Amino acid sequence: MADHVNEQPHEEYLDVLTKAGDKTGVSKPRGDVHRDGDYHRAVHVWIFAESTQELLLQKRSDCKDSWAGLWDISSAGHISAGDSSLVTARKELQEELGIKLPKDAFELLFVFLQECVINDGKFINNEYNDVYLVTMIDPIPLEAFTLQESEVSAVKYISVEEYRRLLVNEDPHYVSYDVNDQYGQLFEILAKRYKQNAEARSLNLQKKLNCYAHVSLDAKLTGLSSADKEALSLIVEAAKIMDQIFFLQVWCSNPSLRDWLEQHADESQLSKLKWMCYCINKSPWSCLDENEAFLTTADSAVKLLPQATKPVTGWKGLEYRAAFPSVKPPGANFYPSDMDKTEFELWKNNLSEDKKNEATGFFNVIRRESERILDESLSPTSASCSIHVPDLYIVPYSKEYNDYLSKSADLLHKAGDLASSPSLKKLLHSKADAFLSNEYYDSDIAWMELDSKLDVTIGPYETYEDSIFGYKATFEAFIGIRDDEATAQLKLFGDNLQVLEKNLPMDDAYKSEDVSAAPIRVVQLIYNSGDVKGPQTVAFNLPNDERIVKDRGTSMVMLKNVSEAKFKLILEPIANVCIVEEQREYVDFDSFFTHTICHECCHGIGPHSITLPNGNKSTVRLELQELHSALEEAKADIVGLWALRFLVNQNLLPRTLLKSMYVSFLAGCIRSVRFGLEEAHGKGQALQFNYLFEKGSFVLHPDGTFSVDFDKVEDAVESLSREILTIQGRGDKGAAKTLLSKHGTMTQPLKNALEKLEKIQVPVDILPEFPIADKILGNINNNNNS
C-alpha cells in the first residue's frame, strides 16, 4: 500500500470518517489517523490477467511501516484529504508500477471495511477500501513495470485459486484478508464471471428478449410535401445522433461496449443475444430487472495501449477491457463516478448563485479537474505530477458533446430550410442553435408552439438517468405524423387545465393562479432514439424546465400507435389473467388512452415552483432530488384519475367512463410494475397499487384475480392525490421518502400477479420497428458507402 514512509518530510493528511463511512469535515496527518484508529479511505487496485486467470501481486518494501516485506494487492494507497477515489487509484498504479491507464480501465467491485491492529497495537487500521479491478487480456511482462522502490520490492503473478488458498491458510508471507468475509467477493465475482456456461447464459438472455413483443410502427405520409419528405430524411439522420450522445451519457465506456458487441455479434449465438439485449437496453443493465447487469466487463471491448508502460522488445503493449460496474452508476456519466452527494453539496454551496443554478441545471455535466490533468498526463512524455486543486467544475453540453451536436445542428438547419410549415422551420433552426449555444429556452417555446403535420421532438429533456439528484437531462428524439382528427378531439383537456388546478385536492396555498392550457398533439410515431430504451413511452409532457412551466405551462404529445400496440399485445392479456371475470369488460382502449392523456395533462398542474416553509423559493425537483421522478409519475397517474372523475362530474366526459377507467388503471398498474421498481414509472405504480390495495379499493380474490371496489376507490384516489400534492407543495423530501419506502415496494399481491403473467408469458413491453425511418437510414448508409 502506497503510504508516506517515515523519512518523508511532508506527511499526507487523510479525511477522518465516521464509523459509518461519512466524512466528518476533519482531516489529520496519516500517522495520527493510524495511531488514533480513525476511520479513513483508501483504494485497492487488482490487475487481473484474463487469459491465464492470474492476479498480479506486489511485495511491499521492507521500509514500510505496515506489513513490510509481505505480498499484497497489485497496487493500493490512501485517499488523501480532498482527493477522489478513482484519481487516487490511477495515480497509485502509475506511481507504484509505472502503468498509465485511463479511467475506463477501472471497475469498482465493492467497498471493503478493514478493521485491524498491528505493530503491537501501535498501528490501528480502520479503513474503507474502494476495491477496483483492472482486466488485462494477457499478463503484462514483468520487465514492463517500473517499481517505486520505497513502496514495492517485487511483483509476481499468481493464479486466483492459488492466491485464495494461501489466504484461507493464512500464509505468513501474504497480507491477510478474510476470504470468508467481505473480501471473498473478489473471488466470487471472478469465479462467476469466467465459469458461466454459454448455453445457460444464452437461455437467460433469450428469456429477457422474450419479454418484448415485436411490432412494426408505420404511418401514412400523406399531407407531407416533397420538401417535407426531404426534410424528414435529414431530421431522422439528426435524430439518430441522439443515440450516440445517450450512449455516452449512460456510462463512459458504454460507446466502446456498443461498438464491440456489434462487431462481434455474428461470432456465436451468445454474441448475437448479447447484442440484441444491448440494443433494447442501450447499456449492459436490464431495464426490466431493477437495472441488473446482464453483461460483465469480460464481455466488453478490448483496447490496446502500446505506451502505457515501459516498452518491451517484441511486446505490442498491454490490452485491457473497457470496464463498467455491475451496479449501474446512480449518476450515470453526468458526474465523476466516485463523487458522492456530500462532495457535490459542499462544492455547490461555495459557488455563486449563477454557478449554483448551472451546477443543478439540466444542460451541464460535472467533471473533475484532477481527472482532466491526469488524462493529459497519459502521454508518454508527461511527467507524473502531484495533483491537489479545487476539483469539481461545470462543462456545458454544447462543449461536452460538441462533435455530435454540431453535426446534428447542421442537419436540422438544412431541414429547417426545406420545411413548409413556418412553425416547424422555427423549431428546427432554434433547436439547432440551442445545440451550439446551450440555451434551450427559445427552442422549447418553439416546440410548444409547433403546428405541423410533421411532428418533431429532439433535444435534452428527461432526467431519469440521473438518480443521484434528478438534475441532468438526457438527449432523445421522437418523430411522428400528426393525427389531426384525434388531436382535435382532445381540446377538452387543455381547455380545463386551470379549472383542474383550482379544484386540486390540496391546500390553496400550493395552487397556481396561472396555469396555461397544455396543447395536446396526437401523433403516429415513425421513429424514436436517444433515451428510449426498454419500456416504450406512450406519451410525454414537456418541457421539464421550471422556468417555462411557470411562464407558459407544458405541451404534450400522445403516441397513439404505441398505445394501441401496448393495449392489444399487453394490457388485454394482463386483464384476461389478473382481473376478475365480471370486470374484464371494463378494460378498453378508450379508457386506457384517455387516462394516458390525463396523466400527461396532470404533469402540468400541481406544485412546480414552490415556496418552502422557511420562505425560500425553490422547485419540487430541486427539493425532492432523486425521489422526484417516481413521485411525479405517481402524481400524474393518481391525479389523472381524480381529474377524470372531476370532468365526469362536470358532465364534460360520459359517466360510463368511470368504471372503465378504474379497472383499466388497475390492469395498467400491474403492467407498469413489471418495468421494475428502479424505474420511475414502475415505482410510482407500485406506490399507487399498494396504497389503493391497503385502502380496500383494489381487492384480491382467492383465485388470484383482482377487482375494483367502486364504493371505496374514489375516496382513496383523492386521499393519495392530496398526500402526494402536499408533499410536493412543501418540498418535503423526508415525507416523500417515507411514502415511497412504505408503498413503493414489491408486495406479495403484486408478486403473485407477476408470477401468473410469467407462466403464460405475457410480454412486458413492445419492441418497435420503424420501417419508414429504417428505409431512410438505409439509404443514407448506402449513399455513404457508395
Foldseek 3Di string as FASTA:
>chain_A
DDADFDVDPDFFKFFFADLVGHGPPDIDGPLVCFQVQTETEKEFEWEAAAVQQKIKWFQWDQRHPPLHRAIEGNWMDGQTPPGFHQLRVQLRCCQAWNFHDASLQKAFADWDFDFDADPVRRTTYGYTYGYIYGYWNHDDPQVQTDGDNNTTDGMDIDHPVVVVVCQVVVPVRHDHDDLVPDVVSVVVVVCCQPVDDLVVLLVVLVLLVLLAAEDAFEDDPPPFDPLLVVLVLLLLVLQALLQVQQLCQQAPCSVQQLVLLVVCLPVDSSSVSQNVQCVQFVGQFHLLPLRAGSHFLVSAHKDFDQQRTHHDPPDSGIITGRGYYRDRQLQRQQEPSRDAPVLLVVVLVPDDPVQNCQSLAAFKGKFFPSSVVSVVQSPNVHDDDDDDDNTIDIDGQCVVVVVSLQSSLVSLQVSLVRGPDPLSVQLSNLVSVCSNVVDCVSNQVSLQVDDDQKHKDWDWAFQLSNLNFSRYTRTKMWIFGWPVVVQVVPVVQLVCLQVLQCPALADPQFGDNDFHRARETEGRTQDMHNPAHDFGDQKAWDHLPVVCLVVHFIYMYGHVVQLVCCCVQFLLVLCVQAAPPVLSVLADSVLVRQLSVQLNSQLSTFFAFAQAPVRDTDGLSRLQTSLVLLLSSLLSNLSSLLVVVVCVVVVNDPPSSNSSNVSNLLSVLLLLLSSDLSGSNNLSSQLLNQQCVVQVQWDADPVLHIYGDSVRNNVSSSVVNHQSSVCRNNSPNVSSVVSSVVRSDCDPSSVSSVVSCVVVSRRSHHDYDRVVSVVSVVVVVVVVVD
